[in-house]
Amino acid sequence: MDTNKGGTMKPIAAISKYVIASMLVGVYEIPLIRHNNKQLLLSIQQSS
């Protein structure tokens, strides 16, 4: 029972860690992408 329980819990823990990490990355990435897009648009407008 214990070995089987541990075997099934390990992948779930790994998946949950991956999901949490990807969510955190997404939270930080979205504002960064928007900020970079604004800078790109400003630089394009200034050059033209």
C-alpha atoms as a PDB file:
ATOM      1  CA  MET A   1       0.000   0.000   0.000  1.00  0.00           C
ATOM      2  CA  ASP A   2       2.685   2.501   1.026  1.00  0.00           C
ATOM      3  CA  THR A   3       4.843   1.971  -2.081  1.00  0.00           C
ATOM      4  CA  ASN A   4       1.812   2.207  -4.373  1.00  0.00           C
ATOM      5  CA  LYS A   5       0.579   5.344  -2.600  1.00  0.00           C
ATOM      6  CA  GLY A   6       4.017   6.961  -2.883  1.00  0.00           C
ATOM      7  CA  GLY A   7       4.229   5.988  -6.547  1.00  0.00           C
ATOM      8  CA  THR A   8       0.924   7.647  -7.379  1.00  0.00           C
ATOM      9  CA  MET A   9       1.559  10.745  -5.252  1.00  0.00           C
ATOM     10  CA  LYS A  10       4.953  11.605  -6.763  1.00  0.00           C
ATOM     11  CA  PRO A  11       3.666  12.361 -10.307  1.00  0.00           C
ATOM     12  CA  ILE A  12       0.740  14.342  -8.888  1.00  0.00           C
ATOM     13  CA  ALA A  13       3.129  16.439  -6.783  1.00  0.00           C
ATOM     14  CA  ALA A  14       5.380  16.996  -9.799  1.00  0.00           C
ATOM     15  CA  ILE A  15       2.431  17.997 -11.996  1.00  0.00           C
ATOM     16  CA  SER A  16       1.029  20.368  -9.340  1.00  0.00           C
ATOM     17  CA  LYS A  17       4.462  21.990  -8.933  1.00  0.00           C
ATOM     18  CA  TYR A  18       4.693  22.407 -12.716  1.00  0.00           C
ATOM     19  CA  VAL A  19       1.183  23.889 -12.896  1.00  0.00           C
ATOM     20  CA  ILE A  20       1.899  26.341 -10.071  1.00  0.00           C
ATOM     21  CA  ALA A  21       5.222  27.326 -11.650  1.00  0.00           C
ATOM     22  CA  SER A  22       3.641  27.861 -15.081  1.00  0.00           C
ATOM     23  CA  MET A  23       0.849  29.935 -13.510  1.00  0.00           C
ATOM     24  CA  LEU A  24       3.396  32.118 -11.703  1.00  0.00           C
ATOM     25  CA  VAL A  25       5.445  32.487 -14.890  1.00  0.00           C
ATOM     26  CA  GLY A  26       2.284  33.454 -16.793  1.00  0.00           C
ATOM     27  CA  VAL A  27       1.394  36.087 -14.192  1.00  0.00           C
ATOM     28  CA  TYR A  28       4.827  37.681 -14.566  1.00  0.00           C
ATOM     29  CA  GLU A  29       5.143  37.167 -18.332  1.00  0.00           C
ATOM     30  CA  ILE A  30       1.901  38.874 -19.402  1.00  0.00           C
ATOM     31  CA  PRO A  31       2.751  42.346 -17.980  1.00  0.00           C
ATOM     32  CA  LEU A  32       6.310  42.045 -19.318  1.00  0.00           C
ATOM     33  CA  ILE A  33       5.062  41.244 -22.827  1.00  0.00           C
ATOM     34  CA  ARG A  34       2.625  44.162 -22.707  1.00  0.00           C
ATOM     35  CA  HIS A  35       5.376  46.488 -21.464  1.00  0.00           C
ATOM     36  CA  ASN A  36       7.745  45.347 -24.230  1.00  0.00           C
ATOM     37  CA  ASN A  37       5.027  45.791 -26.862  1.00  0.00           C
ATOM     38  CA  LYS A  38       4.413  49.348 -25.666  1.00  0.00           C
ATOM     39  CA  GLN A  39       8.142  50.123 -25.878  1.00  0.00           C
ATOM     40  CA  LEU A  40       8.295  48.660 -29.389  1.00  0.00           C
ATOM     41  CA  LEU A  41       5.305  50.720 -30.508  1.00  0.00           C
ATOM     42  CA  LEU A  42       6.810  53.888 -29.021  1.00  0.00           C
ATOM     43  CA  SER A  43      10.168  53.305 -30.712  1.00  0.00           C
ATOM     44  CA  ILE A  44       8.452  52.626 -34.060  1.00  0.00           C
ATOM     45  CA  GLN A  45       6.374  55.803 -33.732  1.00  0.00           C
ATOM     46  CA  GLN A  46       9.449  57.883 -32.827  1.00  0.00           C
ATOM     47  CA  SER A  47      11.526  56.556 -35.745  1.00  0.00           C
ATOM     48  CA  SER A  48       8.782  57.271 -38.293  1.00  0.00           C
END
